[in-house]
Amino acid sequence: MLIREVAESGLDTRKLAALSTLLKDRMDDESATQPFSQTSFINLAKSLGVNVTPDNLGELIAQPPLSNILQPLEPGSDVLHWKGDTEANTGMSVDQAQAVVDSNAKAAMKRRQS
């Protein structure tokens, strides 16, 4: 029994990591634009039997494996942010990128015909 208790010491953080990944994937599938609140995350974690409070959530997120999934909490904010949520700054719009691809394709076709 003692070996099992030691082996399951990180079970709560693994449950939270699984919950975080599930929520992120579900939000991506649904193309959700609304942020996910810390309060909702805490309520879902409690339904899984994990003792999470607003006070210890930041500490849990600072530890692996959650530190690899969630960004550190922002003070005064009730929103969770997943790592990799930021939009890439490409420097051009979709229309500009399409125009570049089209012109490169035309140039390649001309070279191939020559």
C-alpha atoms as a PDB file:
ATOM      1  CA  MET A   1       0.000   0.000   0.000  1.00  0.00           C
ATOM      2  CA  LEU A   2       2.807   2.414   0.808  1.00  0.00           C
ATOM      3  CA  ILE A   3       4.456   1.851  -2.588  1.00  0.00           C
ATOM      4  CA  ARG A   4       1.213   2.709  -4.337  1.00  0.00           C
ATOM      5  CA  GLU A   5       0.845   5.953  -2.385  1.00  0.00           C
ATOM      6  CA  VAL A   6       4.356   7.031  -3.362  1.00  0.00           C
ATOM      7  CA  ALA A   7       3.790   6.084  -6.997  1.00  0.00           C
ATOM      8  CA  GLU A   8       0.563   8.077  -7.136  1.00  0.00           C
ATOM      9  CA  SER A   9       1.990  11.243  -5.559  1.00  0.00           C
ATOM     10  CA  GLY A  10       1.964  13.057  -8.939  1.00  0.00           C
ATOM     11  CA  LEU A  11      -1.472  11.766  -9.902  1.00  0.00           C
ATOM     12  CA  ASP A  12      -3.183  15.126  -9.364  1.00  0.00           C
ATOM     13  CA  THR A  13      -0.798  16.991 -11.655  1.00  0.00           C
ATOM     14  CA  ARG A  14      -1.179  14.287 -14.292  1.00  0.00           C
ATOM     15  CA  LYS A  15      -4.972  14.591 -14.060  1.00  0.00           C
ATOM     16  CA  LEU A  16      -4.684  18.365 -14.440  1.00  0.00           C
ATOM     17  CA  ALA A  17      -2.354  17.946 -17.405  1.00  0.00           C
ATOM     18  CA  ALA A  18      -4.818  15.569 -19.063  1.00  0.00           C
ATOM     19  CA  LEU A  19      -7.681  17.980 -18.340  1.00  0.00           C
ATOM     20  CA  SER A  20      -5.696  20.902 -19.778  1.00  0.00           C
ATOM     21  CA  THR A  21      -4.867  19.005 -22.943  1.00  0.00           C
ATOM     22  CA  LEU A  22      -8.465  17.826 -23.344  1.00  0.00           C
ATOM     23  CA  LEU A  23      -9.820  21.357 -22.933  1.00  0.00           C
ATOM     24  CA  LYS A  24      -7.290  22.818 -25.358  1.00  0.00           C
ATOM     25  CA  ASP A  25      -8.071  20.183 -27.997  1.00  0.00           C
ATOM     26  CA  ARG A  26     -11.819  20.624 -27.511  1.00  0.00           C
ATOM     27  CA  MET A  27     -11.531  24.399 -27.842  1.00  0.00           C
ATOM     28  CA  ASP A  28      -9.481  23.951 -31.020  1.00  0.00           C
ATOM     29  CA  ASP A  29     -12.052  21.511 -32.441  1.00  0.00           C
ATOM     30  CA  GLU A  30     -14.887  23.930 -31.759  1.00  0.00           C
ATOM     31  CA  SER A  31     -12.892  26.978 -32.927  1.00  0.00           C
ATOM     32  CA  ALA A  32     -13.717  28.603 -29.597  1.00  0.00           C
ATOM     33  CA  THR A  33     -12.829  32.250 -29.387  1.00  0.00           C
ATOM     34  CA  GLN A  34     -13.858  32.825 -25.781  1.00  0.00           C
ATOM     35  CA  PRO A  35     -11.091  32.406 -23.193  1.00  0.00           C
ATOM     36  CA  PHE A  36     -11.374  29.669 -20.581  1.00  0.00           C
ATOM     37  CA  SER A  37     -11.707  30.941 -17.027  1.00  0.00           C
ATOM     38  CA  GLN A  38      -9.670  29.762 -14.064  1.00  0.00           C
ATOM     39  CA  THR A  39     -12.891  29.306 -12.113  1.00  0.00           C
ATOM     40  CA  SER A  40     -14.269  26.863 -14.680  1.00  0.00           C
ATOM     41  CA  PHE A  41     -10.947  24.995 -14.770  1.00  0.00           C
ATOM     42  CA  ILE A  42     -10.931  24.714 -10.969  1.00  0.00           C
ATOM     43  CA  ASN A  43     -14.523  23.424 -10.941  1.00  0.00           C
ATOM     44  CA  LEU A  44     -13.704  20.794 -13.574  1.00  0.00           C
ATOM     45  CA  ALA A  45     -10.588  19.750 -11.662  1.00  0.00           C
ATOM     46  CA  LYS A  46     -12.604  19.388  -8.466  1.00  0.00           C
ATOM     47  CA  SER A  47     -15.085  17.180 -10.321  1.00  0.00           C
ATOM     48  CA  LEU A  48     -12.118  14.902 -11.117  1.00  0.00           C
ATOM     49  CA  GLY A  49     -11.278  14.742  -7.420  1.00  0.00           C
ATOM     50  CA  VAL A  50      -8.285  17.073  -7.582  1.00  0.00           C
ATOM     51  CA  ASN A  51      -8.025  19.563  -4.730  1.00  0.00           C
ATOM     52  CA  VAL A  52      -7.390  22.823  -6.595  1.00  0.00           C
ATOM     53  CA  THR A  53      -8.023  26.287  -5.236  1.00  0.00           C
ATOM     54  CA  PRO A  54      -7.392  29.727  -6.714  1.00  0.00           C
ATOM     55  CA  ASP A  55      -4.492  30.007  -4.259  1.00  0.00           C
ATOM     56  CA  ASN A  56      -2.628  26.857  -5.317  1.00  0.00           C
ATOM     57  CA  LEU A  57      -3.465  26.866  -9.036  1.00  0.00           C
ATOM     58  CA  GLY A  58      -0.505  29.114  -9.846  1.00  0.00           C
ATOM     59  CA  GLU A  59       1.843  26.808  -7.937  1.00  0.00           C
ATOM     60  CA  LEU A  60       0.525  23.750  -9.773  1.00  0.00           C
ATOM     61  CA  ILE A  61       0.920  25.460 -13.153  1.00  0.00           C
ATOM     62  CA  ALA A  62       4.535  26.343 -12.313  1.00  0.00           C
ATOM     63  CA  GLN A  63       5.402  22.623 -11.957  1.00  0.00           C
ATOM     64  CA  PRO A  64       5.793  20.059 -14.729  1.00  0.00           C
ATOM     65  CA  PRO A  65       3.818  18.735 -16.563  1.00  0.00           C
ATOM     66  CA  LEU A  66       1.429  21.725 -16.368  1.00  0.00           C
ATOM     67  CA  SER A  67       4.291  24.170 -16.922  1.00  0.00           C
ATOM     68  CA  ASN A  68       4.658  22.653 -20.395  1.00  0.00           C
ATOM     69  CA  ILE A  69       0.964  23.120 -21.212  1.00  0.00           C
ATOM     70  CA  LEU A  70      -0.270  26.302 -19.517  1.00  0.00           C
ATOM     71  CA  GLN A  71       1.288  29.743 -19.340  1.00  0.00           C
ATOM     72  CA  PRO A  72       1.873  31.251 -15.885  1.00  0.00           C
ATOM     73  CA  LEU A  73      -1.174  32.977 -14.447  1.00  0.00           C
ATOM     74  CA  GLU A  74      -1.497  36.706 -14.939  1.00  0.00           C
ATOM     75  CA  PRO A  75      -2.213  38.584 -11.696  1.00  0.00           C
ATOM     76  CA  GLY A  76      -5.758  39.924 -11.541  1.00  0.00           C
ATOM     77  CA  SER A  77      -6.900  37.859 -14.530  1.00  0.00           C
ATOM     78  CA  ASP A  78      -9.365  34.966 -14.434  1.00  0.00           C
ATOM     79  CA  VAL A  79      -8.283  33.624 -17.831  1.00  0.00           C
ATOM     80  CA  LEU A  80      -6.151  30.569 -18.572  1.00  0.00           C
ATOM     81  CA  HIS A  81      -3.719  30.768 -21.472  1.00  0.00           C
ATOM     82  CA  TRP A  82      -2.269  27.714 -23.150  1.00  0.00           C
ATOM     83  CA  LYS A  83       1.276  27.750 -24.446  1.00  0.00           C
ATOM     84  CA  GLY A  84       1.358  28.321 -28.185  1.00  0.00           C
ATOM     85  CA  ASP A  85      -1.878  30.337 -28.188  1.00  0.00           C
ATOM     86  CA  THR A  86      -0.268  33.437 -29.644  1.00  0.00           C
ATOM     87  CA  GLU A  87      -0.829  34.116 -33.304  1.00  0.00           C
ATOM     88  CA  ALA A  88       2.268  34.038 -35.445  1.00  0.00           C
ATOM     89  CA  ASN A  89       3.187  37.390 -36.921  1.00  0.00           C
ATOM     90  CA  THR A  90       3.888  36.578 -40.560  1.00  0.00           C
ATOM     91  CA  GLY A  91       4.154  40.162 -41.710  1.00  0.00           C
ATOM     92  CA  MET A  92       1.688  39.705 -44.578  1.00  0.00           C
ATOM     93  CA  SER A  93      -1.964  39.020 -45.049  1.00  0.00           C
ATOM     94  CA  VAL A  94      -3.391  35.848 -46.557  1.00  0.00           C
ATOM     95  CA  ASP A  95      -4.074  37.674 -49.830  1.00  0.00           C
ATOM     96  CA  GLN A  96      -0.474  38.877 -50.034  1.00  0.00           C
ATOM     97  CA  ALA A  97       0.832  35.373 -49.340  1.00  0.00           C
ATOM     98  CA  GLN A  98      -1.427  33.944 -52.045  1.00  0.00           C
ATOM     99  CA  ALA A  99      -0.159  36.547 -54.535  1.00  0.00           C
ATOM    100  CA  VAL A 100       3.453  35.597 -53.761  1.00  0.00           C
ATOM    101  CA  VAL A 101       2.691  31.897 -54.246  1.00  0.00           C
ATOM    102  CA  ASP A 102       0.867  32.595 -57.515  1.00  0.00           C
ATOM    103  CA  SER A 103       3.713  34.680 -58.929  1.00  0.00           C
ATOM    104  CA  ASN A 104       6.283  32.045 -57.944  1.00  0.00           C
ATOM    105  CA  ALA A 105       4.189  29.324 -59.573  1.00  0.00           C
ATOM    106  CA  LYS A 106       3.896  31.334 -62.807  1.00  0.00           C
ATOM    107  CA  ALA A 107       7.646  31.949 -62.859  1.00  0.00           C
ATOM    108  CA  ALA A 108       8.315  28.252 -62.318  1.00  0.00           C
ATOM    109  CA  MET A 109       5.961  27.289 -65.168  1.00  0.00           C
ATOM    110  CA  LYS A 110       7.724  29.718 -67.524  1.00  0.00           C
ATOM    111  CA  ARG A 111      11.114  28.210 -66.636  1.00  0.00           C
ATOM    112  CA  ARG A 112       9.784  24.725 -67.156  1.00  0.00           C
ATOM    113  CA  GLN A 113       8.371  25.560 -70.591  1.00  0.00           C
ATOM    114  CA  SER A 114      11.670  27.047 -71.732  1.00  0.00           C
END
